[in-house]
Amino acid sequence: QVQLVESGGGLVQAGGSLRLSCAASGRTLRSSPMAWFRQAPGKEREFVATISGSGGSTSYVDSVKGRFTISRDNAKNTGYLQMNSLKPEDTAVYYCAARLKGSSIHFISRWPNEYDYWGQGTQVTVSS
């Protein structure tokens, strides 16, 4: 059984930075696409960023381009989301997701139903 555990969330002032981590256990994610989604109160879950199993392909929602960076360390079985220049509208619970069903090492997707394992989420709150 695969378990994803997010960490690194917290309270930060606008303009600040946070680095989220997503540690996987139970199975290697070496060739598995990973993604970050977020859900703000009263809103639907929203795609944030995705990275291919190889790490060579990434994609971001327009609202975070140039501010957030997704990365992964396959040796540590961990994914990351570096968030800079945070804004109050970034406030949400952030979830990491991984796709373990077979796919190309270059595969990326913005669609939540493409991912079959999810973490419990970590709260990010940005104050103005």
Foldseek 3Di string as FASTA:
>chain_A
DKAWAKDFADEEAQQAKIKIKIAMPDDQCQLKKKFKWWDDPPGDIFGAKIAFSPRPDMDGDPVQPPFWDWGDDRVRSMIMIIGGRDDQVVWTWMKMFIAPPDDGSRDIDRDPVNTDYMHPTDTHGYHD
